[in-house]
Amino acid sequence: MQDNIIVKPSVEKQFDRFLRQGRVLFFSAPCGFGKTVLADALLHGQNVLRQSAADPGCAIPPSEQDWDILLIDDLQLMQ
């Protein structure tokens, strides 16, 4: 399914620039608009720790763990 995802070059360029300069990136759109799919496509090949805000134990882990990018999904479900 990954082969069927189209990311606009302008979005990919902005994302790559963010990875070099930024610290926090927030995707905002209504449910079903493909935020997770887009994040997965843009982060393909990166060392990513994925967490869900819907998980009661969701917490930012220590940075010394083996990850470079923390992806927290389902923020709308955070309690």
Protein backbone atom coordinates (compact mmCIF):
# COMPACT_ATOMS: atom_id res chain seq x y z
CA MET A 1 0.00 0.00 0.00
CA GLN A 2 2.93 2.35 0.65
CA ASP A 3 3.56 2.45 -3.12
CA ASN A 4 0.17 4.09 -3.72
CA ILE A 5 0.78 7.15 -1.54
CA ILE A 6 1.43 10.43 -3.32
CA VAL A 7 3.13 13.22 -1.39
CA LYS A 8 3.23 16.60 -3.09
CA PRO A 9 6.83 17.69 -3.72
CA SER A 10 6.19 21.00 -1.94
CA VAL A 11 5.03 19.17 1.21
CA GLU A 12 8.04 16.85 1.13
CA LYS A 13 10.40 19.81 0.64
CA GLN A 14 8.89 21.70 3.60
CA PHE A 15 9.04 18.58 5.75
CA ASP A 16 12.71 17.96 4.89
CA ARG A 17 13.50 21.57 5.77
CA PHE A 18 11.66 21.16 9.07
CA LEU A 19 13.69 18.03 9.93
CA ARG A 20 16.88 20.04 9.57
CA GLN A 21 15.65 23.04 11.60
CA GLY A 22 12.62 22.19 13.74
CA ARG A 23 11.83 20.51 16.99
CA VAL A 24 8.03 20.05 17.08
CA LEU A 25 5.74 19.55 14.11
CA PHE A 26 1.98 19.38 14.56
CA PHE A 27 -0.28 18.02 11.79
CA SER A 28 -3.83 19.25 12.16
CA ALA A 29 -6.78 18.13 10.05
CA PRO A 30 -10.11 16.38 10.65
CA CYS A 31 -10.09 12.63 11.26
CA GLY A 32 -9.81 10.67 8.04
CA PHE A 33 -7.75 13.25 6.14
CA GLY A 34 -4.62 11.08 6.11
CA LYS A 35 -2.39 12.69 8.74
CA THR A 36 -1.00 9.34 9.92
CA VAL A 37 -0.51 8.05 6.38
CA LEU A 38 1.31 11.25 5.41
CA ALA A 39 3.50 11.12 8.53
CA ASP A 40 4.33 7.46 7.85
CA ALA A 41 5.28 8.25 4.25
CA LEU A 42 7.43 11.25 5.19
CA LEU A 43 9.15 9.39 8.03
CA HIS A 44 9.81 6.19 6.07
CA GLY A 45 13.34 5.00 6.80
CA GLN A 46 13.77 7.24 9.88
CA ASN A 47 14.35 5.96 13.42
CA VAL A 48 10.85 6.69 14.79
CA LEU A 49 9.24 5.81 18.12
CA ARG A 50 5.46 5.75 17.63
CA GLN A 51 3.01 6.28 20.45
CA SER A 52 -0.72 6.83 20.67
CA ALA A 53 -2.11 9.58 22.89
CA ALA A 54 -5.11 7.28 23.39
CA ASP A 55 -2.89 4.90 25.38
CA PRO A 56 -3.32 5.63 29.12
CA GLY A 57 0.41 5.05 29.61
CA CYS A 58 1.45 7.50 26.89
CA ALA A 59 4.41 9.57 28.07
CA ILE A 60 7.45 11.09 26.45
CA PRO A 61 10.20 8.53 26.96
CA PRO A 62 13.79 9.37 27.89
CA SER A 63 15.78 10.63 24.92
CA GLU A 64 18.57 8.17 25.57
CA GLN A 65 16.33 5.39 24.23
CA ASP A 66 16.90 4.24 20.66
CA TRP A 67 14.84 6.77 18.67
CA ASP A 68 15.51 10.00 16.80
CA ILE A 69 11.93 11.08 16.14
CA LEU A 70 8.93 10.73 18.44
CA LEU A 71 5.58 10.44 16.66
CA ILE A 72 2.52 10.86 18.88
CA ASP A 73 -0.69 10.01 17.07
CA ASP A 74 -4.36 10.28 18.09
CA LEU A 75 -3.96 13.55 20.03
CA GLN A 76 -7.73 14.08 19.79
CA LEU A 77 -8.13 11.04 22.10
CA MET A 78 -5.79 12.35 24.82
CA GLN A 79 -7.44 12.46 28.23
